[in-house]
Amino acid sequence: MPEKTTIQLKREAVRLLKSAKEYPRQTYNELVTKMAKLFLHAKKQNQYDEFLHKIQQPKMKELWDTQEDESWDHA
């Protein structure tokens, strides 16, 4: 038998979980597990996007910080 635990949630959190169910008999365990996996995946993607953004910054600065661009600032 799987090990189980009890967690305390505010009623608002339970209401949100009920409205997030994909089908009526979906358990909270299934729902929370799926949500956690999706969150972790999104978090990992965001870290990758941030990494790409940081390594692209020097090249973008080189391309965009030109005399021609600065003349447009004063047009």
Protein backbone atom coordinates (compact mmCIF):
# COMPACT_ATOMS: atom_id res chain seq x y z
CA MET A 1 0.00 0.00 0.00
CA PRO A 2 1.43 3.40 -0.96
CA GLU A 3 2.47 5.73 1.79
CA LYS A 4 0.02 8.61 2.22
CA THR A 5 0.11 11.90 4.09
CA THR A 6 -2.28 14.68 4.89
CA ILE A 7 -1.73 18.28 3.84
CA GLN A 8 -3.68 21.33 4.90
CA LEU A 9 -4.96 23.64 2.19
CA LYS A 10 -6.99 26.80 2.34
CA ARG A 11 -10.48 26.50 0.91
CA GLU A 12 -9.51 28.76 -1.98
CA ALA A 13 -6.73 26.33 -2.96
CA VAL A 14 -9.19 23.42 -2.87
CA ARG A 15 -11.64 25.41 -4.99
CA LEU A 16 -8.89 26.07 -7.55
CA LEU A 17 -7.91 22.40 -7.59
CA LYS A 18 -11.53 21.37 -8.15
CA SER A 19 -11.84 23.76 -11.08
CA ALA A 20 -8.53 22.54 -12.55
CA LYS A 21 -9.58 18.88 -12.74
CA GLU A 22 -9.49 17.45 -16.25
CA TYR A 23 -12.26 14.97 -15.52
CA PRO A 24 -14.64 14.55 -12.54
CA ARG A 25 -13.03 11.47 -10.99
CA GLN A 26 -9.47 12.78 -11.23
CA THR A 27 -7.88 12.55 -7.79
CA TYR A 28 -6.13 15.47 -6.16
CA ASN A 29 -3.00 13.31 -6.06
CA GLU A 30 -3.08 12.88 -9.85
CA LEU A 31 -3.80 16.55 -10.36
CA VAL A 32 -1.12 17.86 -8.01
CA THR A 33 1.46 15.43 -9.41
CA LYS A 34 0.71 16.53 -12.97
CA MET A 35 0.80 20.21 -11.99
CA ALA A 36 4.12 19.78 -10.20
CA LYS A 37 5.67 18.03 -13.21
CA LEU A 38 4.44 20.76 -15.55
CA PHE A 39 5.76 23.43 -13.22
CA LEU A 40 9.19 21.81 -13.01
CA HIS A 41 9.33 21.46 -16.79
CA ALA A 42 8.36 25.12 -17.26
CA LYS A 43 10.90 26.16 -14.64
CA LYS A 44 13.63 24.23 -16.48
CA GLN A 45 12.60 25.85 -19.78
CA ASN A 46 12.72 29.29 -18.20
CA GLN A 47 16.25 28.67 -16.93
CA TYR A 48 17.28 27.67 -20.44
CA ASP A 49 15.65 30.79 -21.89
CA GLU A 50 17.40 32.97 -19.31
CA PHE A 51 20.72 31.30 -20.17
CA LEU A 52 20.21 31.98 -23.88
CA HIS A 53 19.23 35.57 -23.15
CA LYS A 54 22.38 36.15 -21.08
CA ILE A 55 24.74 34.72 -23.69
CA GLN A 56 23.04 36.73 -26.45
CA GLN A 57 23.24 40.05 -24.59
CA PRO A 58 26.80 40.99 -25.63
CA LYS A 59 26.09 40.38 -29.33
CA MET A 60 22.77 42.24 -29.18
CA LYS A 61 24.49 45.17 -27.46
CA GLU A 62 27.12 45.17 -30.21
CA LEU A 63 24.44 45.17 -32.91
CA TRP A 64 22.07 47.68 -31.35
CA ASP A 65 24.40 50.16 -29.64
CA THR A 66 25.58 51.85 -32.80
CA GLN A 67 25.94 55.50 -33.75
CA GLU A 68 23.12 55.11 -36.25
CA ASP A 69 20.74 53.87 -33.55
CA GLU A 70 21.73 56.69 -31.21
CA SER A 71 20.93 59.29 -33.88
CA TRP A 72 17.35 57.98 -33.91
CA ASP A 73 17.11 58.67 -30.18
CA HIS A 74 17.45 62.39 -30.90
CA ALA A 75 15.25 62.54 -34.03
